[in-house]
C-alpha cells in the first residue's frame, strides 16, 4: 500500500499517453507543445538545451505556424 498513489498516478499517465492503443507512445524525452507531441524522430532536440531553446523561441515567434505544422 506504500506505493499505491504512485502506481495509480503512473497508470493514469500511461492511459492519457495512449496506453495499449499507442504502444509507441511517449516515453522518456517527450514534450507536448500546444497539444502537439514532438515526434520520437526529433527526440534529440529535447536532450540538447540549445536546440530546445531554439525550438521554443521559434514557437514563441510564430505560434500559428506551430499549431498548423504536421512535423
C-alpha atoms as a PDB file:
ATOM      1  CA  UNK A   1       0.000   0.000   0.000  1.00  0.00           C
ATOM      2  CA  UNK A   2       3.002   2.269   0.427  1.00  0.00           C
ATOM      3  CA  UNK A   3       3.279   2.959  -3.324  1.00  0.00           C
ATOM      4  CA  UNK A   4      -0.424   2.870  -4.227  1.00  0.00           C
ATOM      5  CA  UNK A   5      -0.609   6.600  -5.121  1.00  0.00           C
ATOM      6  CA  UNK A   6       2.486   6.356  -7.319  1.00  0.00           C
ATOM      7  CA  UNK A   7       1.169   3.290  -9.154  1.00  0.00           C
ATOM      8  CA  UNK A   8      -2.239   4.908  -9.667  1.00  0.00           C
ATOM      9  CA  UNK A   9      -0.695   8.137 -10.990  1.00  0.00           C
ATOM     10  CA  UNK A  10       1.594   6.162 -13.308  1.00  0.00           C
ATOM     11  CA  UNK A  11      -1.328   4.146 -14.686  1.00  0.00           C
ATOM     12  CA  UNK A  12      -3.338   7.305 -15.342  1.00  0.00           C
ATOM     13  CA  UNK A  13      -0.379   8.937 -17.124  1.00  0.00           C
ATOM     14  CA  UNK A  14       0.059   5.812 -19.254  1.00  0.00           C
ATOM     15  CA  UNK A  15      -3.613   5.850 -20.219  1.00  0.00           C
ATOM     16  CA  UNK A  16      -3.521   9.596 -21.080  1.00  0.00           C
ATOM     17  CA  UNK A  17      -0.500   8.911 -23.295  1.00  0.00           C
ATOM     18  CA  UNK A  18      -2.408   6.368 -25.354  1.00  0.00           C
ATOM     19  CA  UNK A  19      -1.898   3.239 -23.277  1.00  0.00           C
ATOM     20  CA  UNK A  20      -2.064  -0.070 -25.094  1.00  0.00           C
ATOM     21  CA  UNK A  21      -3.702   1.625 -28.092  1.00  0.00           C
ATOM     22  CA  UNK A  22      -0.457   3.505 -28.763  1.00  0.00           C
ATOM     23  CA  UNK A  23       2.435   1.230 -27.714  1.00  0.00           C
ATOM     24  CA  UNK A  24       4.964   3.503 -29.385  1.00  0.00           C
ATOM     25  CA  UNK A  25       3.539   6.423 -27.397  1.00  0.00           C
ATOM     26  CA  UNK A  26       5.563   8.835 -25.352  1.00  0.00           C
ATOM     27  CA  UNK A  27       8.275   7.600 -23.113  1.00  0.00           C
ATOM     28  CA  UNK A  28      11.321   9.325 -21.773  1.00  0.00           C
ATOM     29  CA  UNK A  29      12.216  12.544 -23.548  1.00  0.00           C
ATOM     30  CA  UNK A  30       8.709  13.519 -24.562  1.00  0.00           C
ATOM     31  CA  UNK A  31       7.276  17.002 -24.884  1.00  0.00           C
ATOM     32  CA  UNK A  32       3.843  18.241 -25.861  1.00  0.00           C
ATOM     33  CA  UNK A  33       3.580  21.846 -27.004  1.00  0.00           C
ATOM     34  CA  UNK A  34       0.153  23.328 -27.776  1.00  0.00           C
ATOM     35  CA  UNK A  35      -1.317  19.802 -27.765  1.00  0.00           C
ATOM     36  CA  UNK A  36       1.222  18.528 -30.310  1.00  0.00           C
ATOM     37  CA  UNK A  37       3.711  15.885 -29.231  1.00  0.00           C
ATOM     38  CA  UNK A  38       7.206  16.251 -30.595  1.00  0.00           C
ATOM     39  CA  UNK A  39       7.776  13.058 -32.607  1.00  0.00           C
ATOM     40  CA  UNK A  40      10.345  10.484 -31.484  1.00  0.00           C
ATOM     41  CA  UNK A  41      12.465  11.263 -34.546  1.00  0.00           C
ATOM     42  CA  UNK A  42      13.075  14.742 -33.098  1.00  0.00           C
ATOM     43  CA  UNK A  43      13.722  13.491 -29.568  1.00  0.00           C
ATOM     44  CA  UNK A  44      17.338  14.658 -29.640  1.00  0.00           C
ATOM     45  CA  UNK A  45      16.031  18.232 -29.612  1.00  0.00           C
ATOM     46  CA  UNK A  46      14.679  17.610 -26.119  1.00  0.00           C
ATOM     47  CA  UNK A  47      18.062  16.464 -24.866  1.00  0.00           C
ATOM     48  CA  UNK A  48      20.007  19.432 -26.218  1.00  0.00           C
ATOM     49  CA  UNK A  49      19.364  22.616 -24.259  1.00  0.00           C
ATOM     50  CA  UNK A  50      20.445  24.874 -27.108  1.00  0.00           C
ATOM     51  CA  UNK A  51      18.262  23.159 -29.720  1.00  0.00           C
ATOM     52  CA  UNK A  52      15.270  23.033 -27.389  1.00  0.00           C
ATOM     53  CA  UNK A  53      15.655  26.731 -26.593  1.00  0.00           C
ATOM     54  CA  UNK A  54      15.758  27.499 -30.319  1.00  0.00           C
ATOM     55  CA  UNK A  55      12.615  25.428 -30.874  1.00  0.00           C
ATOM     56  CA  UNK A  56      10.782  27.262 -28.096  1.00  0.00           C
ATOM     57  CA  UNK A  57      11.897  30.621 -29.499  1.00  0.00           C
ATOM     58  CA  UNK A  58      10.590  29.641 -32.945  1.00  0.00           C
ATOM     59  CA  UNK A  59       7.266  28.595 -31.444  1.00  0.00           C
ATOM     60  CA  UNK A  60       7.063  31.836 -29.484  1.00  0.00           C
ATOM     61  CA  UNK A  61       7.850  33.894 -32.586  1.00  0.00           C
ATOM     62  CA  UNK A  62       5.465  32.001 -34.899  1.00  0.00           C
ATOM     63  CA  UNK A  63       2.869  30.239 -32.717  1.00  0.00           C
ATOM     64  CA  UNK A  64       0.355  29.866 -35.520  1.00  0.00           C
ATOM     65  CA  UNK A  65       2.903  28.033 -37.672  1.00  0.00           C
ATOM     66  CA  UNK A  66       3.489  25.557 -34.860  1.00  0.00           C
ATOM     67  CA  UNK A  67      -0.235  24.918 -34.443  1.00  0.00           C
ATOM     68  CA  UNK A  68      -0.598  24.058 -38.141  1.00  0.00           C
ATOM     69  CA  UNK A  69       2.565  22.060 -38.636  1.00  0.00           C
ATOM     70  CA  UNK A  70       2.474  18.325 -39.173  1.00  0.00           C
ATOM     71  CA  UNK A  71       6.080  17.847 -38.064  1.00  0.00           C
END
